[in-house]
PDB file of all heavy atoms in Angstrom:
ATOM      1  N   MET A   1       0.830  -1.203   0.000  1.00  0.00           N
ATOM      2  CA  MET A   1       0.000   0.000   0.000  1.00  0.00           C
ATOM      3  C   MET A   1       0.870   1.261   0.000  1.00  0.00           C
ATOM      4  O   MET A   1       0.546   2.252  -0.645  1.00  0.00           O
ATOM      5  CB  MET A   1      -0.923  -0.003   1.214  1.00  0.00           C
ATOM      6  CG  MET A   1      -2.062  -1.011   1.136  1.00  0.00           C
ATOM      7  SD  MET A   1      -3.149  -0.939   2.559  1.00  0.00           S
ATOM      8  CE  MET A   1      -3.865   0.688   2.326  1.00  0.00           C
ATOM      9  N   LYS A   2       1.979   1.205   0.728  1.00  0.00           N
ATOM     10  CA  LYS A   2       2.893   2.346   0.734  1.00  0.00           C
ATOM     11  C   LYS A   2       3.450   2.587  -0.670  1.00  0.00           C
ATOM     12  O   LYS A   2       3.556   3.734  -1.133  1.00  0.00           O
ATOM     13  CB  LYS A   2       4.036   2.082   1.718  1.00  0.00           C
ATOM     14  CG  LYS A   2       5.034   3.227   1.796  1.00  0.00           C
ATOM     15  CD  LYS A   2       6.120   2.913   2.810  1.00  0.00           C
ATOM     16  CE  LYS A   2       7.158   4.044   2.853  1.00  0.00           C
ATOM     17  NZ  LYS A   2       8.236   3.762   3.826  1.00  0.00           N
ATOM     18  N   GLY A   3       3.798   1.531  -1.376  1.00  0.00           N
ATOM     19  CA  GLY A   3       4.278   1.674  -2.744  1.00  0.00           C
ATOM     20  C   GLY A   3       3.222   2.255  -3.660  1.00  0.00           C
ATOM     21  O   GLY A   3       3.505   3.117  -4.511  1.00  0.00           O
ATOM     22  N   ASP A   4       1.950   1.775  -3.503  1.00  0.00           N
ATOM     23  CA  ASP A   4       0.861   2.317  -4.320  1.00  0.00           C
ATOM     24  C   ASP A   4       0.641   3.794  -4.041  1.00  0.00           C
ATOM     25  O   ASP A   4       0.349   4.584  -4.950  1.00  0.00           O
ATOM     26  CB  ASP A   4      -0.425   1.533  -4.059  1.00  0.00           C
ATOM     27  CG  ASP A   4      -0.374   0.131  -4.652  1.00  0.00           C
ATOM     28  OD1 ASP A   4       0.513  -0.107  -5.507  1.00  0.00           O
ATOM     29  OD2 ASP A   4      -1.200  -0.710  -4.254  1.00  0.00           O
ATOM     30  N   LEU A   5       0.732   4.210  -2.780  1.00  0.00           N
ATOM     31  CA  LEU A   5       0.563   5.619  -2.434  1.00  0.00           C
ATOM     32  C   LEU A   5       1.654   6.485  -3.077  1.00  0.00           C
ATOM     33  O   LEU A   5       1.387   7.594  -3.550  1.00  0.00           O
ATOM     34  CB  LEU A   5       0.586   5.785  -0.910  1.00  0.00           C
ATOM     35  CG  LEU A   5      -0.671   5.322  -0.162  1.00  0.00           C
ATOM     36  CD1 LEU A   5      -0.442   5.329   1.333  1.00  0.00           C
ATOM     37  CD2 LEU A   5      -1.868   6.206  -0.516  1.00  0.00           C
ATOM     38  N   ASN A   6       2.881   5.975  -3.087  1.00  0.00           N
ATOM     39  CA  ASN A   6       3.965   6.714  -3.734  1.00  0.00           C
ATOM     40  C   ASN A   6       3.719   6.853  -5.234  1.00  0.00           C
ATOM     41  O   ASN A   6       3.992   7.898  -5.833  1.00  0.00           O
ATOM     42  CB  ASN A   6       5.305   6.023  -3.484  1.00  0.00           C
ATOM     43  CG  ASN A   6       5.764   6.156  -2.041  1.00  0.00           C
ATOM     44  OD1 ASN A   6       5.394   7.108  -1.360  1.00  0.00           O
ATOM     45  ND2 ASN A   6       6.567   5.210  -1.576  1.00  0.00           N
ATOM     46  N   ASP A   7       3.182   5.773  -5.843  1.00  0.00           N
ATOM     47  CA  ASP A   7       2.856   5.849  -7.266  1.00  0.00           C
ATOM     48  C   ASP A   7       1.765   6.873  -7.526  1.00  0.00           C
ATOM     49  O   ASP A   7       1.804   7.625  -8.509  1.00  0.00           O
ATOM     50  CB  ASP A   7       2.414   4.468  -7.773  1.00  0.00           C
ATOM     51  CG  ASP A   7       3.559   3.476  -7.795  1.00  0.00           C
ATOM     52  OD1 ASP A   7       4.723   3.919  -7.824  1.00  0.00           O
ATOM     53  OD2 ASP A   7       3.285   2.260  -7.771  1.00  0.00           O
ATOM     54  N   LEU A   8       0.752   6.909  -6.661  1.00  0.00           N
ATOM     55  CA  LEU A   8      -0.337   7.883  -6.804  1.00  0.00           C
ATOM     56  C   LEU A   8       0.182   9.309  -6.636  1.00  0.00           C
ATOM     57  O   LEU A   8      -0.272  10.235  -7.318  1.00  0.00           O
ATOM     58  CB  LEU A   8      -1.439   7.589  -5.788  1.00  0.00           C
ATOM     59  CG  LEU A   8      -2.336   6.384  -6.097  1.00  0.00           C
ATOM     60  CD1 LEU A   8      -3.228   6.066  -4.909  1.00  0.00           C
ATOM     61  CD2 LEU A   8      -3.200   6.672  -7.325  1.00  0.00           C
ATOM     62  N   LYS A   9       1.115   9.495  -5.705  1.00  0.00           N
ATOM     63  CA  LYS A   9       1.724  10.813  -5.521  1.00  0.00           C
ATOM     64  C   LYS A   9       2.424  11.264  -6.807  1.00  0.00           C
ATOM     65  O   LYS A   9       2.297  12.409  -7.240  1.00  0.00           O
ATOM     66  CB  LYS A   9       2.728  10.766  -4.375  1.00  0.00           C
ATOM     67  CG  LYS A   9       2.108  10.800  -2.985  1.00  0.00           C
ATOM     68  CD  LYS A   9       3.159  10.655  -1.920  1.00  0.00           C
ATOM     69  CE  LYS A   9       4.177  11.751  -1.997  1.00  0.00           C
ATOM     70  NZ  LYS A   9       5.216  11.627  -0.955  1.00  0.00           N
ATOM     71  N   LYS A  10       3.151  10.344  -7.393  1.00  0.00           N
ATOM     72  CA  LYS A  10       3.872  10.668  -8.625  1.00  0.00           C
ATOM     73  C   LYS A  10       2.897  11.043  -9.734  1.00  0.00           C
ATOM     74  O   LYS A  10       3.095  12.029 -10.468  1.00  0.00           O
ATOM     75  CB  LYS A  10       4.717   9.468  -9.043  1.00  0.00           C
ATOM     76  CG  LYS A  10       5.479   9.683 -10.349  1.00  0.00           C
ATOM     77  CD  LYS A  10       6.287   8.440 -10.702  1.00  0.00           C
ATOM     78  CE  LYS A  10       6.983   8.623 -12.051  1.00  0.00           C
ATOM     79  NZ  LYS A  10       7.746   7.420 -12.456  1.00  0.00           N
ATOM     80  N   LEU A  11       1.803  10.272  -9.858  1.00  0.00           N
ATOM     81  CA  LEU A  11       0.803  10.531 -10.889  1.00  0.00           C
ATOM     82  C   LEU A  11       0.124  11.872 -10.666  1.00  0.00           C
ATOM     83  O   LEU A  11      -0.131  12.641 -11.607  1.00  0.00           O
ATOM     84  CB  LEU A  11      -0.222   9.393 -10.873  1.00  0.00           C
ATOM     85  CG  LEU A  11      -1.001   9.105 -12.153  1.00  0.00           C
ATOM     86  CD1 LEU A  11      -0.053   8.778 -13.303  1.00  0.00           C
ATOM     87  CD2 LEU A  11      -1.960   7.945 -11.906  1.00  0.00           C
ATOM     88  N   THR A  12      -0.190  12.186  -9.442  1.00  0.00           N
ATOM     89  CA  THR A  12      -0.858  13.450  -9.107  1.00  0.00           C
ATOM     90  C   THR A  12       0.034  14.640  -9.428  1.00  0.00           C
ATOM     91  O   THR A  12      -0.420  15.671  -9.956  1.00  0.00           O
ATOM     92  CB  THR A  12      -1.241  13.465  -7.616  1.00  0.00           C
ATOM     93  OG1 THR A  12      -2.032  12.319  -7.321  1.00  0.00           O
ATOM     94  CG2 THR A  12      -2.024  14.719  -7.271  1.00  0.00           C
ATOM     95  N   LEU A  13       1.320  14.521  -9.107  1.00  0.00           N
ATOM     96  CA  LEU A  13       2.250  15.609  -9.408  1.00  0.00           C
ATOM     97  C   LEU A  13       2.358  15.845 -10.915  1.00  0.00           C
ATOM     98  O   LEU A  13       2.466  16.987 -11.377  1.00  0.00           O
ATOM     99  CB  LEU A  13       3.630  15.286  -8.826  1.00  0.00           C
ATOM    100  CG  LEU A  13       3.752  15.363  -7.302  1.00  0.00           C
ATOM    101  CD1 LEU A  13       5.120  14.889  -6.853  1.00  0.00           C
ATOM    102  CD2 LEU A  13       3.500  16.790  -6.821  1.00  0.00           C
ATOM    103  N   GLU A  14       2.312  14.755 -11.698  1.00  0.00           N
ATOM    104  CA  GLU A  14       2.347  14.905 -13.154  1.00  0.00           C
ATOM    105  C   GLU A  14       1.129  15.680 -13.636  1.00  0.00           C
ATOM    106  O   GLU A  14       1.218  16.536 -14.518  1.00  0.00           O
ATOM    107  CB  GLU A  14       2.390  13.523 -13.819  1.00  0.00           C
ATOM    108  CG  GLU A  14       3.682  12.751 -13.594  1.00  0.00           C
ATOM    109  CD  GLU A  14       4.826  13.337 -14.385  1.00  0.00           C
ATOM    110  OE1 GLU A  14       4.565  14.033 -15.379  1.00  0.00           O
ATOM    111  OE2 GLU A  14       5.991  13.107 -13.997  1.00  0.00           O
ATOM    112  N   LEU A  15      -0.048  15.396 -13.066  1.00  0.00           N
ATOM    113  CA  LEU A  15      -1.271  16.104 -13.451  1.00  0.00           C
ATOM    114  C   LEU A  15      -1.201  17.577 -13.075  1.00  0.00           C
ATOM    115  O   LEU A  15      -1.624  18.453 -13.824  1.00  0.00           O
ATOM    116  CB  LEU A  15      -2.487  15.447 -12.781  1.00  0.00           C
ATOM    117  CG  LEU A  15      -2.992  14.144 -13.408  1.00  0.00           C
ATOM    118  CD1 LEU A  15      -4.012  13.484 -12.494  1.00  0.00           C
ATOM    119  CD2 LEU A  15      -3.626  14.431 -14.761  1.00  0.00           C
ATOM    120  N   LEU A  16      -0.696  17.850 -11.881  1.00  0.00           N
ATOM    121  CA  LEU A  16      -0.606  19.237 -11.423  1.00  0.00           C
ATOM    122  C   LEU A  16       0.350  20.050 -12.298  1.00  0.00           C
ATOM    123  O   LEU A  16       0.147  21.249 -12.517  1.00  0.00           O
ATOM    124  CB  LEU A  16      -0.155  19.270  -9.966  1.00  0.00           C
ATOM    125  CG  LEU A  16      -1.177  18.755  -8.940  1.00  0.00           C
ATOM    126  CD1 LEU A  16      -0.550  18.683  -7.554  1.00  0.00           C
ATOM    127  CD2 LEU A  16      -2.410  19.665  -8.902  1.00  0.00           C
ATOM    128  N   LYS A  17       1.406  19.415 -12.784  1.00  0.00           N
ATOM    129  CA  LYS A  17       2.388  20.132 -13.591  1.00  0.00           C
ATOM    130  C   LYS A  17       1.888  20.339 -15.022  1.00  0.00           C
ATOM    131  O   LYS A  17       2.013  21.428 -15.583  1.00  0.00           O
ATOM    132  CB  LYS A  17       3.712  19.364 -13.608  1.00  0.00           C
ATOM    133  CG  LYS A  17       4.498  19.494 -12.314  1.00  0.00           C
ATOM    134  CD  LYS A  17       5.908  18.976 -12.470  1.00  0.00           C
ATOM    135  CE  LYS A  17       5.924  17.475 -12.628  1.00  0.00           C
ATOM    136  NZ  LYS A  17       7.327  16.943 -12.657  1.00  0.00           N
ATOM    137  N   ASP A  18       1.307  19.314 -15.646  1.00  0.00           N
ATOM    138  CA  ASP A  18       0.957  19.385 -17.065  1.00  0.00           C
ATOM    139  C   ASP A  18      -0.500  19.759 -17.306  1.00  0.00           C
ATOM    140  O   ASP A  18      -0.848  20.279 -18.360  1.00  0.00           O
ATOM    141  CB  ASP A  18       1.251  18.046 -17.746  1.00  0.00           C
ATOM    142  CG  ASP A  18       2.736  17.715 -17.700  1.00  0.00           C
ATOM    143  OD1 ASP A  18       3.536  18.654 -17.611  1.00  0.00           O
ATOM    144  OD2 ASP A  18       3.074  16.518 -17.754  1.00  0.00           O
ATOM    145  N   ASN A  19      -1.392  19.453 -16.370  1.00  0.00           N
ATOM    146  CA  ASN A  19      -2.824  19.735 -16.515  1.00  0.00           C
ATOM    147  C   ASN A  19      -3.380  19.126 -17.803  1.00  0.00           C
ATOM    148  O   ASN A  19      -4.229  19.697 -18.469  1.00  0.00           O
ATOM    149  CB  ASN A  19      -3.082  21.251 -16.483  1.00  0.00           C
ATOM    150  CG  ASN A  19      -4.573  21.555 -16.254  1.00  0.00           C
ATOM    151  OD1 ASN A  19      -5.281  20.715 -15.712  1.00  0.00           O
ATOM    152  ND2 ASN A  19      -5.013  22.741 -16.663  1.00  0.00           N
ATOM    153  N   ASP A  20      -2.844  17.970 -18.193  1.00  0.00           N
ATOM    154  CA  ASP A  20      -3.295  17.291 -19.410  1.00  0.00           C
ATOM    155  C   ASP A  20      -3.434  15.807 -19.093  1.00  0.00           C
ATOM    156  O   ASP A  20      -2.453  15.073 -19.079  1.00  0.00           O
ATOM    157  CB  ASP A  20      -2.288  17.509 -20.536  1.00  0.00           C
ATOM    158  CG  ASP A  20      -2.790  16.936 -21.870  1.00  0.00           C
ATOM    159  OD1 ASP A  20      -3.817  16.238 -21.866  1.00  0.00           O
ATOM    160  OD2 ASP A  20      -2.128  17.192 -22.909  1.00  0.00           O
ATOM    161  N   SER A  21      -4.676  15.387 -18.828  1.00  0.00           N
ATOM    162  CA  SER A  21      -4.901  14.005 -18.394  1.00  0.00           C
ATOM    163  C   SER A  21      -4.559  12.998 -19.486  1.00  0.00           C
ATOM    164  O   SER A  21      -4.056  11.908 -19.222  1.00  0.00           O
ATOM    165  CB  SER A  21      -6.347  13.811 -17.929  1.00  0.00           C
ATOM    166  OG  SER A  21      -7.239  14.056 -18.999  1.00  0.00           O
ATOM    167  N   ASN A  22      -4.852  13.346 -20.757  1.00  0.00           N
ATOM    168  CA  ASN A  22      -4.562  12.414 -21.852  1.00  0.00           C
ATOM    169  C   ASN A  22      -3.059  12.187 -21.992  1.00  0.00           C
ATOM    170  O   ASN A  22      -2.588  11.066 -22.195  1.00  0.00           O
ATOM    171  CB  ASN A  22      -5.132  12.949 -23.157  1.00  0.00           C
ATOM    172  CG  ASN A  22      -6.649  12.937 -23.153  1.00  0.00           C
ATOM    173  OD1 ASN A  22      -7.266  12.074 -22.535  1.00  0.00           O
ATOM    174  ND2 ASN A  22      -7.260  13.920 -23.823  1.00  0.00           N
ATOM    175  N   LYS A  23      -2.290  13.278 -21.894  1.00  0.00           N
ATOM    176  CA  LYS A  23      -0.840  13.153 -22.007  1.00  0.00           C
ATOM    177  C   LYS A  23      -0.271  12.327 -20.856  1.00  0.00           C
ATOM    178  O   LYS A  23       0.582  11.458 -21.052  1.00  0.00           O
ATOM    179  CB  LYS A  23      -0.215  14.540 -22.017  1.00  0.00           C
ATOM    180  CG  LYS A  23       1.314  14.512 -22.089  1.00  0.00           C
ATOM    181  CD  LYS A  23       1.877  15.927 -22.036  1.00  0.00           C
ATOM    182  CE  LYS A  23       3.394  15.878 -22.018  1.00  0.00           C
ATOM    183  NZ  LYS A  23       3.976  17.240 -21.906  1.00  0.00           N
ATOM    184  N   VAL A  24      -0.766  12.620 -19.662  1.00  0.00           N
ATOM    185  CA  VAL A  24      -0.305  11.873 -18.484  1.00  0.00           C
ATOM    186  C   VAL A  24      -0.649  10.403 -18.622  1.00  0.00           C
ATOM    187  O   VAL A  24       0.124   9.514 -18.266  1.00  0.00           O
ATOM    188  CB  VAL A  24      -0.907  12.473 -17.197  1.00  0.00           C
ATOM    189  CG1 VAL A  24      -0.585  11.592 -15.998  1.00  0.00           C
ATOM    190  CG2 VAL A  24      -0.391  13.882 -16.962  1.00  0.00           C
ATOM    191  N   GLN A  25      -1.852  10.136 -19.167  1.00  0.00           N
ATOM    192  CA  GLN A  25      -2.261   8.738 -19.327  1.00  0.00           C
ATOM    193  C   GLN A  25      -1.351   8.011 -20.310  1.00  0.00           C
ATOM    194  O   GLN A  25      -0.989   6.854 -20.090  1.00  0.00           O
ATOM    195  CB  GLN A  25      -3.709   8.678 -19.808  1.00  0.00           C
ATOM    196  CG  GLN A  25      -4.252   7.251 -19.942  1.00  0.00           C
ATOM    197  CD  GLN A  25      -5.686   7.221 -20.390  1.00  0.00           C
ATOM    198  OE1 GLN A  25      -6.287   8.273 -20.576  1.00  0.00           O
ATOM    199  NE2 GLN A  25      -6.221   6.042 -20.565  1.00  0.00           N
ATOM    200  N   ARG A  26      -0.983   8.687 -21.398  1.00  0.00           N
ATOM    201  CA  ARG A  26      -0.118   8.050 -22.398  1.00  0.00           C
ATOM    202  C   ARG A  26       1.282   7.790 -21.844  1.00  0.00           C
ATOM    203  O   ARG A  26       1.852   6.728 -22.043  1.00  0.00           O
ATOM    204  CB  ARG A  26      -0.020   8.935 -23.650  1.00  0.00           C
ATOM    205  CG  ARG A  26      -1.279   8.965 -24.486  1.00  0.00           C
ATOM    206  CD  ARG A  26      -0.985   9.575 -25.851  1.00  0.00           C
ATOM    207  NE  ARG A  26      -0.402  10.910 -25.731  1.00  0.00           N
ATOM    208  CZ  ARG A  26      -1.108  12.035 -25.667  1.00  0.00           C
ATOM    209  NH1 ARG A  26      -2.445  11.986 -25.706  1.00  0.00           N
ATOM    210  NH2 ARG A  26      -0.500  13.208 -25.569  1.00  0.00           N
ATOM    211  N   GLU A  27       1.817   8.785 -21.141  1.00  0.00           N
ATOM    212  CA  GLU A  27       3.187   8.667 -20.659  1.00  0.00           C
ATOM    213  C   GLU A  27       3.322   7.750 -19.451  1.00  0.00           C
ATOM    214  O   GLU A  27       4.420   7.285 -19.161  1.00  0.00           O
ATOM    215  CB  GLU A  27       3.725  10.062 -20.303  1.00  0.00           C
ATOM    216  CG  GLU A  27       3.872  10.968 -21.506  1.00  0.00           C
ATOM    217  CD  GLU A  27       4.391  12.348 -21.128  1.00  0.00           C
ATOM    218  OE1 GLU A  27       4.494  12.595 -19.907  1.00  0.00           O
ATOM    219  OE2 GLU A  27       4.688  13.148 -22.034  1.00  0.00           O
ATOM    220  N   ASN A  28       2.236   7.527 -18.733  1.00  0.00           N
ATOM    221  CA  ASN A  28       2.301   6.720 -17.508  1.00  0.00           C
ATOM    222  C   ASN A  28       1.352   5.528 -17.585  1.00  0.00           C
ATOM    223  O   ASN A  28       0.733   5.124 -16.594  1.00  0.00           O
ATOM    224  CB  ASN A  28       1.942   7.572 -16.286  1.00  0.00           C
ATOM    225  CG  ASN A  28       2.896   8.720 -16.074  1.00  0.00           C
ATOM    226  OD1 ASN A  28       3.946   8.563 -15.463  1.00  0.00           O
ATOM    227  ND2 ASN A  28       2.529   9.891 -16.589  1.00  0.00           N
ATOM    228  N   GLU A  29       1.245   4.959 -18.784  1.00  0.00           N
ATOM    229  CA  GLU A  29       0.307   3.847 -18.974  1.00  0.00           C
ATOM    230  C   GLU A  29       0.655   2.653 -18.084  1.00  0.00           C
ATOM    231  O   GLU A  29      -0.209   2.038 -17.465  1.00  0.00           O
ATOM    232  CB  GLU A  29       0.316   3.426 -20.443  1.00  0.00           C
ATOM    233  CG  GLU A  29      -0.683   2.311 -20.753  1.00  0.00           C
ATOM    234  CD  GLU A  29      -0.679   1.943 -22.230  1.00  0.00           C
ATOM    235  OE1 GLU A  29       0.046   2.604 -23.012  1.00  0.00           O
ATOM    236  OE2 GLU A  29      -1.397   1.003 -22.595  1.00  0.00           O
ATOM    237  N   GLY A  30       1.951   2.345 -17.994  1.00  0.00           N
ATOM    238  CA  GLY A  30       2.368   1.214 -17.160  1.00  0.00           C
ATOM    239  C   GLY A  30       2.063   1.440 -15.696  1.00  0.00           C
ATOM    240  O   GLY A  30       1.614   0.528 -14.981  1.00  0.00           O
ATOM    241  N   LEU A  31       2.285   2.676 -15.229  1.00  0.00           N
ATOM    242  CA  LEU A  31       2.011   2.987 -13.832  1.00  0.00           C
ATOM    243  C   LEU A  31       0.523   2.903 -13.525  1.00  0.00           C
ATOM    244  O   LEU A  31       0.106   2.403 -12.472  1.00  0.00           O
ATOM    245  CB  LEU A  31       2.551   4.381 -13.505  1.00  0.00           C
ATOM    246  CG  LEU A  31       2.456   4.853 -12.060  1.00  0.00           C
ATOM    247  CD1 LEU A  31       3.235   3.920 -11.150  1.00  0.00           C
ATOM    248  CD2 LEU A  31       2.963   6.284 -11.926  1.00  0.00           C
ATOM    249  N   ILE A  32      -0.311   3.382 -14.456  1.00  0.00           N
ATOM    250  CA  ILE A  32      -1.766   3.340 -14.254  1.00  0.00           C
ATOM    251  C   ILE A  32      -2.246   1.901 -14.194  1.00  0.00           C
ATOM    252  O   ILE A  32      -3.085   1.532 -13.371  1.00  0.00           O
ATOM    253  CB  ILE A  32      -2.475   4.113 -15.379  1.00  0.00           C
ATOM    254  CG1 ILE A  32      -2.119   5.614 -15.277  1.00  0.00           C
ATOM    255  CG2 ILE A  32      -3.981   3.926 -15.307  1.00  0.00           C
ATOM    256  CD1 ILE A  32      -2.599   6.433 -16.450  1.00  0.00           C
ATOM    257  N   ARG A  33      -1.721   1.073 -15.078  1.00  0.00           N
ATOM    258  CA  ARG A  33      -2.115  -0.341 -15.059  1.00  0.00           C
ATOM    259  C   ARG A  33      -1.701  -1.016 -13.756  1.00  0.00           C
ATOM    260  O   ARG A  33      -2.418  -1.846 -13.216  1.00  0.00           O
ATOM    261  CB  ARG A  33      -1.485  -1.070 -16.247  1.00  0.00           C
ATOM    262  CG  ARG A  33      -2.137  -0.736 -17.562  1.00  0.00           C
ATOM    263  CD  ARG A  33      -1.552  -1.574 -18.684  1.00  0.00           C
ATOM    264  NE  ARG A  33      -2.211  -1.313 -19.951  1.00  0.00           N
ATOM    265  CZ  ARG A  33      -1.897  -1.926 -21.083  1.00  0.00           C
ATOM    266  NH1 ARG A  33      -0.920  -2.831 -21.087  1.00  0.00           N
ATOM    267  NH2 ARG A  33      -2.539  -1.646 -22.190  1.00  0.00           N
ATOM    268  N   LYS A  34      -0.520  -0.632 -13.278  1.00  0.00           N
ATOM    269  CA  LYS A  34      -0.048  -1.219 -12.014  1.00  0.00           C
ATOM    270  C   LYS A  34      -0.980  -0.870 -10.865  1.00  0.00           C
ATOM    271  O   LYS A  34      -1.282  -1.699 -10.005  1.00  0.00           O
ATOM    272  CB  LYS A  34       1.367  -0.719 -11.723  1.00  0.00           C
ATOM    273  CG  LYS A  34       1.914  -1.201 -10.385  1.00  0.00           C
ATOM    274  CD  LYS A  34       3.279  -0.605 -10.103  1.00  0.00           C
ATOM    275  CE  LYS A  34       3.750  -1.010  -8.714  1.00  0.00           C
ATOM    276  NZ  LYS A  34       5.049  -0.399  -8.362  1.00  0.00           N
ATOM    277  N   ILE A  35      -1.484   0.388 -10.846  1.00  0.00           N
ATOM    278  CA  ILE A  35      -2.319   0.834  -9.740  1.00  0.00           C
ATOM    279  C   ILE A  35      -3.734   0.287  -9.864  1.00  0.00           C
ATOM    280  O   ILE A  35      -4.322  -0.214  -8.894  1.00  0.00           O
ATOM    281  CB  ILE A  35      -2.352   2.373  -9.679  1.00  0.00           C
ATOM    282  CG1 ILE A  35      -0.943   2.919  -9.426  1.00  0.00           C
ATOM    283  CG2 ILE A  35      -3.310   2.867  -8.598  1.00  0.00           C
ATOM    284  CD1 ILE A  35      -0.841   4.423  -9.511  1.00  0.00           C
ATOM    285  N   TYR A  36      -4.305   0.356 -11.086  1.00  0.00           N
ATOM    286  CA  TYR A  36      -5.721   0.023 -11.253  1.00  0.00           C
ATOM    287  C   TYR A  36      -5.964  -1.345 -11.850  1.00  0.00           C
ATOM    288  O   TYR A  36      -7.104  -1.753 -12.037  1.00  0.00           O
ATOM    289  CB  TYR A  36      -6.404   1.078 -12.135  1.00  0.00           C
ATOM    290  CG  TYR A  36      -6.360   2.447 -11.523  1.00  0.00           C
ATOM    291  CD1 TYR A  36      -5.460   3.404 -11.978  1.00  0.00           C
ATOM    292  CD2 TYR A  36      -7.200   2.780 -10.465  1.00  0.00           C
ATOM    293  CE1 TYR A  36      -5.407   4.661 -11.400  1.00  0.00           C
ATOM    294  CE2 TYR A  36      -7.146   4.030  -9.880  1.00  0.00           C
ATOM    295  CZ  TYR A  36      -6.259   4.971 -10.343  1.00  0.00           C
ATOM    296  OH  TYR A  36      -6.213   6.194  -9.770  1.00  0.00           O
ATOM    297  N   GLY A  37      -4.897  -2.097 -12.120  1.00  0.00           N
ATOM    298  CA  GLY A  37      -5.069  -3.443 -12.657  1.00  0.00           C
ATOM    299  C   GLY A  37      -5.047  -3.412 -14.163  1.00  0.00           C
ATOM    300  O   GLY A  37      -5.441  -2.439 -14.806  1.00  0.00           O
ATOM    301  N   ASN A  38      -4.574  -4.521 -14.758  1.00  0.00           N
ATOM    302  CA  ASN A  38      -4.447  -4.565 -16.213  1.00  0.00           C
ATOM    303  C   ASN A  38      -5.176  -5.737 -16.830  1.00  0.00           C
ATOM    304  O   ASN A  38      -4.978  -6.062 -17.977  1.00  0.00           O
ATOM    305  CB  ASN A  38      -2.970  -4.629 -16.609  1.00  0.00           C
ATOM    306  CG  ASN A  38      -2.271  -5.809 -15.990  1.00  0.00           C
ATOM    307  OD1 ASN A  38      -2.888  -6.543 -15.235  1.00  0.00           O
ATOM    308  ND2 ASN A  38      -0.983  -5.987 -16.299  1.00  0.00           N
ATOM    309  N   GLU A  39      -6.041  -6.392 -16.066  1.00  0.00           N
ATOM    310  CA  GLU A  39      -6.767  -7.551 -16.583  1.00  0.00           C
ATOM    311  C   GLU A  39      -8.259  -7.295 -16.429  1.00  0.00           C
ATOM    312  O   GLU A  39      -8.898  -7.804 -15.520  1.00  0.00           O
ATOM    313  CB  GLU A  39      -6.358  -8.835 -15.858  1.00  0.00           C
ATOM    314  CG  GLU A  39      -4.923  -9.220 -16.098  1.00  0.00           C
ATOM    315  CD  GLU A  39      -4.589 -10.517 -15.406  1.00  0.00           C
ATOM    316  OE1 GLU A  39      -5.499 -11.119 -14.794  1.00  0.00           O
ATOM    317  OE2 GLU A  39      -3.423 -10.934 -15.483  1.00  0.00           O
ATOM    318  N   LYS A  40      -8.831  -6.441 -17.316  1.00  0.00           N
ATOM    319  CA  LYS A  40     -10.252  -6.136 -17.252  1.00  0.00           C
ATOM    320  C   LYS A  40     -10.896  -6.598 -18.559  1.00  0.00           C
ATOM    321  O   LYS A  40     -10.399  -6.306 -19.638  1.00  0.00           O
ATOM    322  CB  LYS A  40     -10.479  -4.640 -17.068  1.00  0.00           C
ATOM    323  CG  LYS A  40      -9.831  -4.052 -15.811  1.00  0.00           C
ATOM    324  CD  LYS A  40     -10.162  -2.594 -15.729  1.00  0.00           C
ATOM    325  CE  LYS A  40      -9.415  -1.886 -14.626  1.00  0.00           C
ATOM    326  NZ  LYS A  40      -9.628  -2.374 -13.322  1.00  0.00           N
ATOM    327  N   ASN A  41     -12.003  -7.246 -18.450  1.00  0.00           N
ATOM    328  CA  ASN A  41     -12.719  -7.610 -19.664  1.00  0.00           C
ATOM    329  C   ASN A  41     -13.629  -6.465 -20.086  1.00  0.00           C
ATOM    330  O   ASN A  41     -13.757  -5.448 -19.400  1.00  0.00           O
ATOM    331  CB  ASN A  41     -13.519  -8.904 -19.466  1.00  0.00           C
ATOM    332  CG  ASN A  41     -14.463  -8.806 -18.268  1.00  0.00           C
ATOM    333  OD1 ASN A  41     -15.035  -7.756 -18.007  1.00  0.00           O
ATOM    334  ND2 ASN A  41     -14.604  -9.900 -17.536  1.00  0.00           N
ATOM    335  N   GLU A  42     -14.256  -6.597 -21.242  1.00  0.00           N
ATOM    336  CA  GLU A  42     -15.050  -5.493 -21.793  1.00  0.00           C
ATOM    337  C   GLU A  42     -16.226  -5.134 -20.896  1.00  0.00           C
ATOM    338  O   GLU A  42     -16.576  -3.967 -20.748  1.00  0.00           O
ATOM    339  CB  GLU A  42     -15.564  -5.894 -23.177  1.00  0.00           C
ATOM    340  CG  GLU A  42     -14.449  -6.071 -24.190  1.00  0.00           C
ATOM    341  CD  GLU A  42     -14.973  -6.439 -25.563  1.00  0.00           C
ATOM    342  OE1 GLU A  42     -16.215  -6.585 -25.693  1.00  0.00           O
ATOM    343  OE2 GLU A  42     -14.150  -6.575 -26.473  1.00  0.00           O
TER     344      GLU A  42
END
């Protein structure tokens, strides 16, 4: 959980700096999958 919180902190700082959710999503796709899971069906 501590590791996940650090990842969320990093993601939040990226949003605050760039204010572009699509760009952040593209550049941090691996991190987002790690936090929210990468095995979702349709």
